[in-house]
Protein backbone atom coordinates (compact mmCIF):
# COMPACT_ATOMS: atom_id res chain seq x y z
CA MET A 1 -7.90 2.03 -3.58
CA LEU A 2 -7.10 0.02 -6.69
CA ARG A 3 -5.78 -2.82 -4.55
CA LEU A 4 -9.15 -2.97 -2.81
CA ILE A 5 -10.93 -3.09 -6.17
CA ASP A 6 -8.55 -5.82 -7.34
CA ARG A 7 -9.33 -7.93 -4.25
CA ILE A 8 -13.04 -8.06 -5.15
CA SER A 9 -13.72 -10.85 -7.62
CA LEU A 10 -15.48 -10.06 -10.87
CA GLN A 11 -18.12 -12.64 -10.00
CA THR A 12 -18.90 -10.85 -6.72
CA ALA A 13 -19.09 -7.50 -8.50
CA VAL A 14 -21.51 -8.87 -11.12
CA ILE A 15 -23.73 -10.43 -8.44
CA ALA A 16 -23.76 -7.13 -6.54
CA ALA A 17 -24.68 -5.26 -9.72
CA LEU A 18 -27.50 -7.67 -10.50
CA PHE A 19 -28.99 -7.72 -7.02
CA LEU A 20 -28.10 -4.37 -5.43
CA GLY A 21 -27.94 -2.43 -8.65
CA LEU A 22 -31.36 -3.54 -9.88
CA ALA A 23 -33.26 -3.80 -6.57
CA PRO A 24 -36.18 -3.30 -6.14
CA PHE A 25 -37.13 -5.26 -9.23
CA THR A 26 -40.78 -4.20 -9.50
CA PRO A 27 -42.36 -2.17 -10.98
CA GLU A 28 -39.00 -1.36 -12.63
CA PRO A 29 -35.36 -1.49 -11.47
CA HIS A 30 -34.47 1.49 -9.31
CA ILE A 31 -31.37 2.39 -11.33
CA TRP A 32 -33.44 2.50 -14.51
CA GLU A 33 -35.99 4.80 -12.84
CA LYS A 34 -33.24 7.13 -11.61
CA LEU A 35 -31.52 7.22 -15.01
CA LYS A 36 -34.83 8.13 -16.66
CA MET A 37 -35.30 10.88 -14.07
CA LEU A 38 -31.77 12.14 -14.77
CA MET A 39 -32.43 12.30 -18.52
CA ALA A 40 -35.77 14.04 -17.94
CA GLY A 41 -34.22 16.59 -15.58
CA THR A 42 -36.41 15.58 -12.65
CA LEU A 43 -33.67 14.12 -10.46
CA VAL A 44 -33.66 17.02 -7.99
CA ARG A 45 -34.22 15.66 -4.48
CA PRO A 46 -31.14 14.61 -2.48
CA ILE A 47 -32.65 11.17 -1.81
CA ASP A 48 -32.92 10.61 -5.57
CA TRP A 49 -29.23 11.46 -6.04
CA PHE A 50 -28.34 9.15 -3.15
CA ASP A 51 -30.36 6.36 -4.78
CA LEU A 52 -28.61 6.93 -8.10
CA VAL A 53 -25.19 6.68 -6.47
CA LEU A 54 -26.17 3.71 -4.29
CA HIS A 55 -27.69 1.65 -7.10
CA GLY A 56 -25.11 2.78 -9.67
CA ALA A 57 -22.00 1.95 -7.61
CA PRO A 58 -22.06 -1.81 -8.27
CA TRP A 59 -22.34 -1.17 -12.03
CA LEU A 60 -19.43 1.26 -11.83
CA LEU A 61 -17.40 -1.37 -9.95
CA VAL A 62 -18.04 -3.92 -12.71
CA ALA A 63 -17.00 -1.37 -15.36
CA VAL A 64 -13.77 -0.52 -13.50
CA LYS A 65 -12.93 -4.21 -13.00
CA LEU A 66 -13.49 -4.97 -16.69
CA ALA A 67 -11.42 -1.94 -17.74
CA ARG A 68 -8.56 -2.96 -15.44
CA ARG A 69 -8.73 -6.52 -16.77
CA LYS A 70 -8.56 -5.22 -20.35
CA VAL A 71 -5.56 -2.98 -19.58
CA ALA A 72 -3.74 -5.75 -17.69
CA ALA A 73 -4.25 -8.34 -20.45
CA PRO A 74 -1.37 -8.51 -22.93
CA GLU A 75 -2.23 -7.75 -26.52
CA ASP A 76 -2.25 -10.64 -28.99
CA GLY A 77 0.52 -9.30 -31.24
CA ALA A 78 2.78 -7.84 -28.55
CA ARG A 79 5.63 -10.34 -28.87
């Protein structure tokens, strides 16, 4: 699974997060609406949970890619 994540470029993941993660853009991004519903305790219908997962997955991919990049990068004073 991590090899599949590594094969996706960071640029592709960011573009997916911006377009798929925020769509539809009006009246507000879908992920934002679902996160507000989650915090308010009104995220109860299965379609709402599906939307949260669907629109949140690209953002999670970006976070995992950045975390793996940070772990793989050598530290400055590690000589």
